[in-house]
């Protein structure tokens, strides 16, 4: 076990923690907005109304939140790879 291994492990764990904390909030809000959109779609179908096909503010917010969650997940994956490389390198 060398200093490179320790640096990779510590850096990897830090990246996983940062990625998780960055992805958790936007992903939860994205799920809430998606559930709300589905509820509105069910209500419109029940009411018999036709929804406009245009972009709404909620759909734009969902895109932004999904992208933020993806970036956080990529950071966490980079941390996992770093930890894996820490075990792989001798």
C-alpha atoms as a PDB file:
ATOM      1  CA  UNK A   1       0.000   0.000   0.000  1.00  0.00           C
ATOM      2  CA  UNK A   2       1.617   3.156  -1.195  1.00  0.00           C
ATOM      3  CA  UNK A   3       0.819   6.832  -0.998  1.00  0.00           C
ATOM      4  CA  UNK A   4      -0.763   6.756  -4.465  1.00  0.00           C
ATOM      5  CA  UNK A   5      -3.264   4.164  -3.270  1.00  0.00           C
ATOM      6  CA  UNK A   6      -4.204   6.256  -0.253  1.00  0.00           C
ATOM      7  CA  UNK A   7      -4.620   9.375  -2.370  1.00  0.00           C
ATOM      8  CA  UNK A   8      -6.856   7.502  -4.823  1.00  0.00           C
ATOM      9  CA  UNK A   9      -8.959   5.999  -2.037  1.00  0.00           C
ATOM     10  CA  UNK A  10      -9.412   9.257  -0.153  1.00  0.00           C
ATOM     11  CA  UNK A  11     -10.070  11.194  -3.349  1.00  0.00           C
ATOM     12  CA  UNK A  12     -12.503   8.558  -4.557  1.00  0.00           C
ATOM     13  CA  UNK A  13     -14.469   8.529  -1.326  1.00  0.00           C
ATOM     14  CA  UNK A  14     -14.566  12.324  -1.366  1.00  0.00           C
ATOM     15  CA  UNK A  15     -15.800  12.356  -4.973  1.00  0.00           C
ATOM     16  CA  UNK A  16     -18.501   9.798  -4.169  1.00  0.00           C
ATOM     17  CA  UNK A  17     -19.704  11.887  -1.231  1.00  0.00           C
ATOM     18  CA  UNK A  18     -19.688  15.098  -3.270  1.00  0.00           C
ATOM     19  CA  UNK A  19     -21.462  13.437  -6.194  1.00  0.00           C
ATOM     20  CA  UNK A  20     -24.121  11.936  -3.943  1.00  0.00           C
ATOM     21  CA  UNK A  21     -24.775  15.232  -2.194  1.00  0.00           C
ATOM     22  CA  UNK A  22     -24.994  17.078  -5.537  1.00  0.00           C
ATOM     23  CA  UNK A  23     -27.363  14.525  -7.080  1.00  0.00           C
ATOM     24  CA  UNK A  24     -29.674  13.880  -4.128  1.00  0.00           C
ATOM     25  CA  UNK A  25     -31.497  17.228  -4.013  1.00  0.00           C
ATOM     26  CA  UNK A  26     -32.148  17.731  -7.737  1.00  0.00           C
ATOM     27  CA  UNK A  27     -33.208  14.097  -8.170  1.00  0.00           C
ATOM     28  CA  UNK A  28     -35.763  14.333  -5.365  1.00  0.00           C
ATOM     29  CA  UNK A  29     -37.212  17.562  -6.792  1.00  0.00           C
ATOM     30  CA  UNK A  30     -37.260  16.028 -10.285  1.00  0.00           C
ATOM     31  CA  UNK A  31     -39.295  13.086  -8.968  1.00  0.00           C
ATOM     32  CA  UNK A  32     -41.753  15.481  -7.322  1.00  0.00           C
ATOM     33  CA  UNK A  33     -42.208  17.485 -10.527  1.00  0.00           C
ATOM     34  CA  UNK A  34     -42.613  14.318 -12.600  1.00  0.00           C
ATOM     35  CA  UNK A  35     -45.318  13.048 -10.247  1.00  0.00           C
ATOM     36  CA  UNK A  36     -47.063  16.410 -10.428  1.00  0.00           C
ATOM     37  CA  UNK A  37     -46.937  16.371 -14.257  1.00  0.00           C
ATOM     38  CA  UNK A  38     -48.401  12.857 -14.313  1.00  0.00           C
ATOM     39  CA  UNK A  39     -51.166  13.979 -11.972  1.00  0.00           C
ATOM     40  CA  UNK A  40     -51.998  16.941 -14.215  1.00  0.00           C
ATOM     41  CA  UNK A  41     -52.040  14.646 -17.266  1.00  0.00           C
ATOM     42  CA  UNK A  42     -54.436  12.235 -15.500  1.00  0.00           C
ATOM     43  CA  UNK A  43     -56.692  15.112 -14.497  1.00  0.00           C
ATOM     44  CA  UNK A  44     -56.761  16.491 -18.035  1.00  0.00           C
ATOM     45  CA  UNK A  45     -57.542  13.037 -19.425  1.00  0.00           C
ATOM     46  CA  UNK A  46     -60.342  12.587 -16.894  1.00  0.00           C
ATOM     47  CA  UNK A  47     -61.706  16.045 -17.631  1.00  0.00           C
ATOM     48  CA  UNK A  48     -61.544  15.413 -21.334  1.00  0.00           C
ATOM     49  CA  UNK A  49     -59.373  18.414 -22.041  1.00  0.00           C
ATOM     50  CA  UNK A  50     -56.549  18.436 -24.484  1.00  0.00           C
ATOM     51  CA  UNK A  51     -53.130  19.433 -23.193  1.00  0.00           C
ATOM     52  CA  UNK A  52     -51.028  21.726 -25.254  1.00  0.00           C
ATOM     53  CA  UNK A  53     -47.928  20.075 -26.627  1.00  0.00           C
ATOM     54  CA  UNK A  54     -45.634  23.003 -25.839  1.00  0.00           C
ATOM     55  CA  UNK A  55     -42.943  23.206 -23.234  1.00  0.00           C
ATOM     56  CA  UNK A  56     -44.002  24.289 -19.794  1.00  0.00           C
ATOM     57  CA  UNK A  57     -41.972  25.835 -17.030  1.00  0.00           C
ATOM     58  CA  UNK A  58     -42.154  22.554 -15.150  1.00  0.00           C
ATOM     59  CA  UNK A  59     -40.766  20.596 -18.101  1.00  0.00           C
ATOM     60  CA  UNK A  60     -37.842  23.014 -18.411  1.00  0.00           C
ATOM     61  CA  UNK A  61     -37.182  22.742 -14.673  1.00  0.00           C
ATOM     62  CA  UNK A  62     -37.333  18.946 -14.940  1.00  0.00           C
ATOM     63  CA  UNK A  63     -34.704  18.999 -17.690  1.00  0.00           C
ATOM     64  CA  UNK A  64     -32.403  21.186 -15.588  1.00  0.00           C
ATOM     65  CA  UNK A  65     -32.861  19.066 -12.479  1.00  0.00           C
ATOM     66  CA  UNK A  66     -32.289  15.842 -14.405  1.00  0.00           C
ATOM     67  CA  UNK A  67     -29.058  17.269 -15.848  1.00  0.00           C
ATOM     68  CA  UNK A  68     -27.849  18.358 -12.396  1.00  0.00           C
ATOM     69  CA  UNK A  69     -28.562  14.879 -11.035  1.00  0.00           C
ATOM     70  CA  UNK A  70     -26.693  13.314 -13.959  1.00  0.00           C
ATOM     71  CA  UNK A  71     -23.650  15.489 -13.294  1.00  0.00           C
ATOM     72  CA  UNK A  72     -23.701  14.481  -9.624  1.00  0.00           C
ATOM     73  CA  UNK A  73     -23.963  10.825 -10.604  1.00  0.00           C
ATOM     74  CA  UNK A  74     -21.003  11.184 -12.963  1.00  0.00           C
ATOM     75  CA  UNK A  75     -18.943  12.691 -10.156  1.00  0.00           C
ATOM     76  CA  UNK A  76     -19.861   9.761  -7.896  1.00  0.00           C
ATOM     77  CA  UNK A  77     -18.967   7.287 -10.645  1.00  0.00           C
ATOM     78  CA  UNK A  78     -15.591   9.004 -11.068  1.00  0.00           C
ATOM     79  CA  UNK A  79     -15.060   8.525  -7.333  1.00  0.00           C
ATOM     80  CA  UNK A  80     -15.917   4.844  -7.597  1.00  0.00           C
ATOM     81  CA  UNK A  81     -13.442   4.444 -10.460  1.00  0.00           C
ATOM     82  CA  UNK A  82     -10.791   6.230  -8.400  1.00  0.00           C
ATOM     83  CA  UNK A  83     -11.292   3.856  -5.465  1.00  0.00           C
ATOM     84  CA  UNK A  84     -11.205   0.888  -7.838  1.00  0.00           C
ATOM     85  CA  UNK A  85      -7.943   2.148  -9.348  1.00  0.00           C
ATOM     86  CA  UNK A  86      -6.566   2.555  -5.826  1.00  0.00           C
ATOM     87  CA  UNK A  87      -7.063  -1.165  -5.289  1.00  0.00           C
ATOM     88  CA  UNK A  88      -5.844  -2.073  -8.761  1.00  0.00           C
ATOM     89  CA  UNK A  89      -2.548  -0.140  -8.708  1.00  0.00           C
ATOM     90  CA  UNK A  90       0.261  -1.734  -6.712  1.00  0.00           C
END
